[in-house]
């Protein structure tokens, strides 16, 4: 069932809200891979003159037994250079949209990153007096240990999308927990390894009242 952003919905005892960080414009070929344009162009009416398509940066806010858990943080508000021909000027809206829903940054108890690419973990930190600091000062950040290692030691292919300022300050502030294998984040909310998109990519499994959900991050 499609639920529009700005509307809480329930999964058993869990309460869920999709919150947007905005949109990035990404090369359609990078999105669809080795698929002929004649196949994918029928699904992309918003294709621009440089063959880029709009891609939503959607985070998931979960309320479980009074705890607020945020899955992924989008591009964020720091000034970054987007890789390739990507356009990011329409991103960086997550904190604003959370406030619009009546949720302040210091109310978030847990932040979990499915992976650390800049468009999923860029909002982990914000700039204060020219220094990146945790955007959610009371939160514990849960990140797969393998993903942290891959992001901390990028290669020539991943260097443009793993940006140290998005995650190193979390360790400096002692707010990060590196997870090996599965982890129970809160009642009915589990972090599960799902490598593929990146080495340490994870998904979030939801289970409550006999109902199930899955936040897949990126496929």
C-alpha atoms as a PDB file:
ATOM      1  CA  UNK A   1       0.000   0.000   0.000  1.00  0.00           C
ATOM      2  CA  UNK A   2       1.420   3.406  -0.950  1.00  0.00           C
ATOM      3  CA  UNK A   3       1.571   5.883   1.918  1.00  0.00           C
ATOM      4  CA  UNK A   4       2.399   9.504   1.049  1.00  0.00           C
ATOM      5  CA  UNK A   5       5.144  11.349   2.872  1.00  0.00           C
ATOM      6  CA  UNK A   6       3.950  13.365   5.837  1.00  0.00           C
ATOM      7  CA  UNK A   7       1.575  10.644   7.032  1.00  0.00           C
ATOM      8  CA  UNK A   8       2.369   8.255   9.885  1.00  0.00           C
ATOM      9  CA  UNK A   9       1.257   4.669   9.407  1.00  0.00           C
ATOM     10  CA  UNK A  10       1.337   1.609  11.625  1.00  0.00           C
ATOM     11  CA  UNK A  11       2.923  -1.794  11.356  1.00  0.00           C
ATOM     12  CA  UNK A  12       1.638  -3.638  14.399  1.00  0.00           C
ATOM     13  CA  UNK A  13       2.842  -1.553  17.341  1.00  0.00           C
ATOM     14  CA  UNK A  14       5.446   0.279  15.264  1.00  0.00           C
ATOM     15  CA  UNK A  15       4.747   3.758  13.900  1.00  0.00           C
ATOM     16  CA  UNK A  16       6.440   4.692  10.614  1.00  0.00           C
ATOM     17  CA  UNK A  17       6.927   7.935   8.711  1.00  0.00           C
ATOM     18  CA  UNK A  18       8.713   8.524   5.405  1.00  0.00           C
ATOM     19  CA  UNK A  19      10.700  11.777   5.515  1.00  0.00           C
ATOM     20  CA  UNK A  20      12.465  13.252   2.477  1.00  0.00           C
ATOM     21  CA  UNK A  21      15.899  14.836   2.183  1.00  0.00           C
ATOM     22  CA  UNK A  22      14.894  16.007  -1.285  1.00  0.00           C
ATOM     23  CA  UNK A  23      15.921  14.830  -4.739  1.00  0.00           C
ATOM     24  CA  UNK A  24      19.120  14.197  -6.672  1.00  0.00           C
ATOM     25  CA  UNK A  25      19.351  14.065 -10.464  1.00  0.00           C
ATOM     26  CA  UNK A  26      21.343  11.007 -11.486  1.00  0.00           C
ATOM     27  CA  UNK A  27      22.522   9.697 -14.824  1.00  0.00           C
ATOM     28  CA  UNK A  28      19.902   7.223 -16.066  1.00  0.00           C
ATOM     29  CA  UNK A  29      22.569   4.875 -17.376  1.00  0.00           C
ATOM     30  CA  UNK A  30      24.159   4.690 -13.933  1.00  0.00           C
ATOM     31  CA  UNK A  31      20.752   3.906 -12.460  1.00  0.00           C
ATOM     32  CA  UNK A  32      19.590   1.217 -14.889  1.00  0.00           C
ATOM     33  CA  UNK A  33      22.955  -0.265 -15.871  1.00  0.00           C
ATOM     34  CA  UNK A  34      23.366  -2.285 -19.059  1.00  0.00           C
ATOM     35  CA  UNK A  35      19.735  -1.977 -20.117  1.00  0.00           C
ATOM     36  CA  UNK A  36      18.814  -0.452 -23.506  1.00  0.00           C
ATOM     37  CA  UNK A  37      17.274   3.012 -23.271  1.00  0.00           C
ATOM     38  CA  UNK A  38      14.263   1.896 -25.310  1.00  0.00           C
ATOM     39  CA  UNK A  39      13.277  -0.317 -22.355  1.00  0.00           C
ATOM     40  CA  UNK A  40      13.731   2.121 -19.465  1.00  0.00           C
ATOM     41  CA  UNK A  41      12.773   5.451 -21.031  1.00  0.00           C
ATOM     42  CA  UNK A  42       9.036   4.663 -20.853  1.00  0.00           C
ATOM     43  CA  UNK A  43       9.347   4.744 -17.057  1.00  0.00           C
ATOM     44  CA  UNK A  44      11.254   8.051 -16.895  1.00  0.00           C
ATOM     45  CA  UNK A  45       9.034  10.899 -18.134  1.00  0.00           C
ATOM     46  CA  UNK A  46      11.138  13.423 -16.160  1.00  0.00           C
ATOM     47  CA  UNK A  47      14.381  12.704 -18.047  1.00  0.00           C
ATOM     48  CA  UNK A  48      16.321  15.959 -18.530  1.00  0.00           C
ATOM     49  CA  UNK A  49      18.421  17.094 -21.493  1.00  0.00           C
ATOM     50  CA  UNK A  50      21.506  15.366 -20.025  1.00  0.00           C
ATOM     51  CA  UNK A  51      19.750  12.002 -19.571  1.00  0.00           C
ATOM     52  CA  UNK A  52      19.405  12.418 -15.806  1.00  0.00           C
ATOM     53  CA  UNK A  53      16.405  11.309 -13.774  1.00  0.00           C
ATOM     54  CA  UNK A  54      15.153  12.535 -10.388  1.00  0.00           C
ATOM     55  CA  UNK A  55      15.807  10.086  -7.554  1.00  0.00           C
ATOM     56  CA  UNK A  56      14.102  10.569  -4.188  1.00  0.00           C
ATOM     57  CA  UNK A  57      16.177  10.635  -1.001  1.00  0.00           C
ATOM     58  CA  UNK A  58      13.750   9.015   1.416  1.00  0.00           C
ATOM     59  CA  UNK A  59      14.535   8.296   5.047  1.00  0.00           C
ATOM     60  CA  UNK A  60      12.361   6.223   7.357  1.00  0.00           C
ATOM     61  CA  UNK A  61      11.450   7.374  10.856  1.00  0.00           C
ATOM     62  CA  UNK A  62      10.363   4.575  13.201  1.00  0.00           C
ATOM     63  CA  UNK A  63       8.792   4.919  16.641  1.00  0.00           C
ATOM     64  CA  UNK A  64       9.165   1.819  18.824  1.00  0.00           C
ATOM     65  CA  UNK A  65       8.216   1.900  22.519  1.00  0.00           C
ATOM     66  CA  UNK A  66       8.931   5.624  22.723  1.00  0.00           C
ATOM     67  CA  UNK A  67      12.256   5.464  20.863  1.00  0.00           C
ATOM     68  CA  UNK A  68      12.740   7.339  17.584  1.00  0.00           C
ATOM     69  CA  UNK A  69      14.901   5.563  15.011  1.00  0.00           C
ATOM     70  CA  UNK A  70      16.001   7.205  11.755  1.00  0.00           C
ATOM     71  CA  UNK A  71      17.062   5.057   8.807  1.00  0.00           C
ATOM     72  CA  UNK A  72      19.490   6.883   6.472  1.00  0.00           C
ATOM     73  CA  UNK A  73      20.079  10.629   6.388  1.00  0.00           C
ATOM     74  CA  UNK A  74      20.305  11.630   2.706  1.00  0.00           C
ATOM     75  CA  UNK A  75      22.886  14.048   1.311  1.00  0.00           C
ATOM     76  CA  UNK A  76      22.617  16.513   4.174  1.00  0.00           C
ATOM     77  CA  UNK A  77      23.376  20.223   4.309  1.00  0.00           C
ATOM     78  CA  UNK A  78      27.183  20.238   4.039  1.00  0.00           C
ATOM     79  CA  UNK A  79      28.671  21.580   0.820  1.00  0.00           C
ATOM     80  CA  UNK A  80      29.839  18.558  -1.199  1.00  0.00           C
ATOM     81  CA  UNK A  81      30.956  17.942  -4.743  1.00  0.00           C
ATOM     82  CA  UNK A  82      28.615  15.432  -6.345  1.00  0.00           C
ATOM     83  CA  UNK A  83      30.255  12.623  -8.333  1.00  0.00           C
ATOM     84  CA  UNK A  84      30.018  12.678 -12.121  1.00  0.00           C
ATOM     85  CA  UNK A  85      27.137  14.649 -13.618  1.00  0.00           C
ATOM     86  CA  UNK A  86      24.884  14.231 -10.590  1.00  0.00           C
ATOM     87  CA  UNK A  87      22.963  17.312  -9.406  1.00  0.00           C
ATOM     88  CA  UNK A  88      22.275  17.648  -5.659  1.00  0.00           C
ATOM     89  CA  UNK A  89      20.964  21.211  -5.284  1.00  0.00           C
ATOM     90  CA  UNK A  90      17.461  19.936  -4.465  1.00  0.00           C
ATOM     91  CA  UNK A  91      18.685  17.858  -1.488  1.00  0.00           C
ATOM     92  CA  UNK A  92      19.516  18.704   2.132  1.00  0.00           C
ATOM     93  CA  UNK A  93      15.914  19.002   3.356  1.00  0.00           C
ATOM     94  CA  UNK A  94      15.808  16.226   5.982  1.00  0.00           C
ATOM     95  CA  UNK A  95      16.234  18.325   9.135  1.00  0.00           C
ATOM     96  CA  UNK A  96      13.757  20.884   7.819  1.00  0.00           C
ATOM     97  CA  UNK A  97      11.208  18.199   6.977  1.00  0.00           C
ATOM     98  CA  UNK A  98      11.651  16.516  10.355  1.00  0.00           C
ATOM     99  CA  UNK A  99      10.947  19.837  12.076  1.00  0.00           C
ATOM    100  CA  UNK A 100       7.867  20.227   9.888  1.00  0.00           C
ATOM    101  CA  UNK A 101       6.657  16.922  11.367  1.00  0.00           C
ATOM    102  CA  UNK A 102       7.322  18.205  14.882  1.00  0.00           C
ATOM    103  CA  UNK A 103      10.532  16.193  15.369  1.00  0.00           C
ATOM    104  CA  UNK A 104      13.759  17.968  16.344  1.00  0.00           C
ATOM    105  CA  UNK A 105      17.237  16.568  15.778  1.00  0.00           C
ATOM    106  CA  UNK A 106      17.865  16.040  19.483  1.00  0.00           C
ATOM    107  CA  UNK A 107      14.750  13.839  19.786  1.00  0.00           C
ATOM    108  CA  UNK A 108      16.277  11.111  17.591  1.00  0.00           C
ATOM    109  CA  UNK A 109      17.526   8.215  19.733  1.00  0.00           C
ATOM    110  CA  UNK A 110      19.059   5.991  17.043  1.00  0.00           C
ATOM    111  CA  UNK A 111      20.383   6.624  13.536  1.00  0.00           C
ATOM    112  CA  UNK A 112      21.145   3.628  11.342  1.00  0.00           C
ATOM    113  CA  UNK A 113      22.819   3.773   7.942  1.00  0.00           C
ATOM    114  CA  UNK A 114      22.045   1.046   5.418  1.00  0.00           C
ATOM    115  CA  UNK A 115      25.410   2.037   3.922  1.00  0.00           C
ATOM    116  CA  UNK A 116      27.721   5.051   3.912  1.00  0.00           C
ATOM    117  CA  UNK A 117      27.449   6.424   0.389  1.00  0.00           C
ATOM    118  CA  UNK A 118      27.180  10.215   0.548  1.00  0.00           C
ATOM    119  CA  UNK A 119      23.487  10.184  -0.470  1.00  0.00           C
ATOM    120  CA  UNK A 120      22.558   7.881   2.419  1.00  0.00           C
ATOM    121  CA  UNK A 121      24.894   9.092   5.167  1.00  0.00           C
ATOM    122  CA  UNK A 122      25.675  12.702   4.266  1.00  0.00           C
ATOM    123  CA  UNK A 123      23.132  13.993   6.766  1.00  0.00           C
ATOM    124  CA  UNK A 124      24.859  12.152   9.621  1.00  0.00           C
ATOM    125  CA  UNK A 125      26.810  15.328  10.289  1.00  0.00           C
ATOM    126  CA  UNK A 126      26.385  19.093   9.971  1.00  0.00           C
ATOM    127  CA  UNK A 127      28.887  21.945   9.929  1.00  0.00           C
ATOM    128  CA  UNK A 128      29.356  23.994  13.099  1.00  0.00           C
ATOM    129  CA  UNK A 129      32.014  26.734  13.048  1.00  0.00           C
ATOM    130  CA  UNK A 130      33.578  25.080  10.015  1.00  0.00           C
ATOM    131  CA  UNK A 131      33.815  21.654  11.678  1.00  0.00           C
ATOM    132  CA  UNK A 132      31.589  18.606  10.928  1.00  0.00           C
ATOM    133  CA  UNK A 133      29.763  17.378  14.047  1.00  0.00           C
ATOM    134  CA  UNK A 134      26.965  14.829  14.598  1.00  0.00           C
ATOM    135  CA  UNK A 135      23.640  16.155  13.292  1.00  0.00           C
ATOM    136  CA  UNK A 136      21.698  14.172  15.901  1.00  0.00           C
ATOM    137  CA  UNK A 137      23.550  14.936  19.143  1.00  0.00           C
ATOM    138  CA  UNK A 138      21.687  12.484  21.413  1.00  0.00           C
ATOM    139  CA  UNK A 139      21.595   9.574  18.986  1.00  0.00           C
ATOM    140  CA  UNK A 140      23.627   6.396  18.806  1.00  0.00           C
ATOM    141  CA  UNK A 141      24.648   5.724  15.195  1.00  0.00           C
ATOM    142  CA  UNK A 142      24.599   2.052  14.144  1.00  0.00           C
ATOM    143  CA  UNK A 143      26.755   1.133  11.138  1.00  0.00           C
ATOM    144  CA  UNK A 144      27.958  -2.253   9.894  1.00  0.00           C
ATOM    145  CA  UNK A 145      31.625  -2.750  10.762  1.00  0.00           C
ATOM    146  CA  UNK A 146      32.430  -3.999   7.262  1.00  0.00           C
ATOM    147  CA  UNK A 147      30.831  -0.902   5.737  1.00  0.00           C
ATOM    148  CA  UNK A 148      32.806   1.361   8.062  1.00  0.00           C
ATOM    149  CA  UNK A 149      36.039  -0.351   7.015  1.00  0.00           C
ATOM    150  CA  UNK A 150      35.196  -0.047   3.311  1.00  0.00           C
ATOM    151  CA  UNK A 151      34.303   3.625   3.707  1.00  0.00           C
ATOM    152  CA  UNK A 152      37.409   4.359   5.767  1.00  0.00           C
ATOM    153  CA  UNK A 153      39.686   2.810   3.130  1.00  0.00           C
ATOM    154  CA  UNK A 154      38.067   3.710  -0.220  1.00  0.00           C
ATOM    155  CA  UNK A 155      39.572   2.754  -3.555  1.00  0.00           C
ATOM    156  CA  UNK A 156      39.670   4.715  -6.805  1.00  0.00           C
ATOM    157  CA  UNK A 157      36.120   3.596  -7.626  1.00  0.00           C
ATOM    158  CA  UNK A 158      34.515   4.421  -4.251  1.00  0.00           C
ATOM    159  CA  UNK A 159      36.509   7.484  -3.197  1.00  0.00           C
ATOM    160  CA  UNK A 160      34.002   9.933  -4.678  1.00  0.00           C
ATOM    161  CA  UNK A 161      31.026   8.647  -2.686  1.00  0.00           C
ATOM    162  CA  UNK A 162      32.601   7.713   0.674  1.00  0.00           C
ATOM    163  CA  UNK A 163      33.316  11.053   2.374  1.00  0.00           C
ATOM    164  CA  UNK A 164      35.110  10.944   5.725  1.00  0.00           C
ATOM    165  CA  UNK A 165      33.327  14.024   7.078  1.00  0.00           C
ATOM    166  CA  UNK A 166      30.069  12.047   6.978  1.00  0.00           C
ATOM    167  CA  UNK A 167      31.134   9.445   9.525  1.00  0.00           C
ATOM    168  CA  UNK A 168      34.512  10.060  11.170  1.00  0.00           C
ATOM    169  CA  UNK A 169      33.089  12.794  13.482  1.00  0.00           C
ATOM    170  CA  UNK A 170      30.697  10.198  14.905  1.00  0.00           C
ATOM    171  CA  UNK A 171      33.626   8.175  16.197  1.00  0.00           C
ATOM    172  CA  UNK A 172      35.337  11.293  17.534  1.00  0.00           C
ATOM    173  CA  UNK A 173      32.154  12.087  19.476  1.00  0.00           C
ATOM    174  CA  UNK A 174      31.884   8.440  20.627  1.00  0.00           C
ATOM    175  CA  UNK A 175      28.389   8.179  19.200  1.00  0.00           C
ATOM    176  CA  UNK A 176      28.923   5.281  16.786  1.00  0.00           C
ATOM    177  CA  UNK A 177      28.410   1.549  17.309  1.00  0.00           C
ATOM    178  CA  UNK A 178      29.934  -0.762  14.713  1.00  0.00           C
ATOM    179  CA  UNK A 179      27.843  -3.870  14.198  1.00  0.00           C
ATOM    180  CA  UNK A 180      29.022  -7.314  13.137  1.00  0.00           C
ATOM    181  CA  UNK A 181      26.194  -9.487  11.843  1.00  0.00           C
ATOM    182  CA  UNK A 182      22.638  -8.797  13.013  1.00  0.00           C
ATOM    183  CA  UNK A 183      21.584  -6.298  15.665  1.00  0.00           C
ATOM    184  CA  UNK A 184      18.344  -5.587  17.512  1.00  0.00           C
ATOM    185  CA  UNK A 185      18.003  -1.798  17.475  1.00  0.00           C
ATOM    186  CA  UNK A 186      14.679  -1.648  19.327  1.00  0.00           C
ATOM    187  CA  UNK A 187      11.695  -3.913  19.793  1.00  0.00           C
ATOM    188  CA  UNK A 188      10.661  -5.125  16.333  1.00  0.00           C
ATOM    189  CA  UNK A 189      13.512  -3.332  14.532  1.00  0.00           C
ATOM    190  CA  UNK A 190      16.524  -5.361  13.351  1.00  0.00           C
ATOM    191  CA  UNK A 191      19.603  -4.559  11.316  1.00  0.00           C
ATOM    192  CA  UNK A 192      20.479  -7.399   8.900  1.00  0.00           C
ATOM    193  CA  UNK A 193      23.512  -7.759   6.591  1.00  0.00           C
ATOM    194  CA  UNK A 194      22.581  -7.578   2.886  1.00  0.00           C
ATOM    195  CA  UNK A 195      25.837  -7.121   0.951  1.00  0.00           C
ATOM    196  CA  UNK A 196      25.686  -6.392  -2.753  1.00  0.00           C
ATOM    197  CA  UNK A 197      25.254  -2.704  -3.409  1.00  0.00           C
ATOM    198  CA  UNK A 198      28.244  -2.227  -1.089  1.00  0.00           C
ATOM    199  CA  UNK A 199      30.352  -4.684   0.900  1.00  0.00           C
ATOM    200  CA  UNK A 200      28.655  -3.860   4.174  1.00  0.00           C
ATOM    201  CA  UNK A 201      25.182  -2.887   2.967  1.00  0.00           C
ATOM    202  CA  UNK A 202      22.379  -3.696   5.419  1.00  0.00           C
ATOM    203  CA  UNK A 203      18.588  -3.721   5.447  1.00  0.00           C
ATOM    204  CA  UNK A 204      16.183  -2.962   8.286  1.00  0.00           C
ATOM    205  CA  UNK A 205      13.657  -5.686   9.137  1.00  0.00           C
ATOM    206  CA  UNK A 206      10.457  -4.672  10.892  1.00  0.00           C
ATOM    207  CA  UNK A 207       8.190  -7.083  12.750  1.00  0.00           C
ATOM    208  CA  UNK A 208       5.280  -6.325  15.045  1.00  0.00           C
ATOM    209  CA  UNK A 209       1.890  -7.824  15.729  1.00  0.00           C
ATOM    210  CA  UNK A 210       2.309 -10.509  13.092  1.00  0.00           C
ATOM    211  CA  UNK A 211       3.100  -7.959  10.365  1.00  0.00           C
ATOM    212  CA  UNK A 212       6.401  -7.569   8.571  1.00  0.00           C
ATOM    213  CA  UNK A 213       8.221  -4.823   6.704  1.00  0.00           C
ATOM    214  CA  UNK A 214      11.621  -4.282   5.105  1.00  0.00           C
ATOM    215  CA  UNK A 215      13.517  -1.062   4.495  1.00  0.00           C
ATOM    216  CA  UNK A 216      15.917  -2.054   1.732  1.00  0.00           C
ATOM    217  CA  UNK A 217      18.204   0.971   1.520  1.00  0.00           C
ATOM    218  CA  UNK A 218      19.423   0.614  -2.053  1.00  0.00           C
ATOM    219  CA  UNK A 219      19.017  -2.323  -4.433  1.00  0.00           C
END
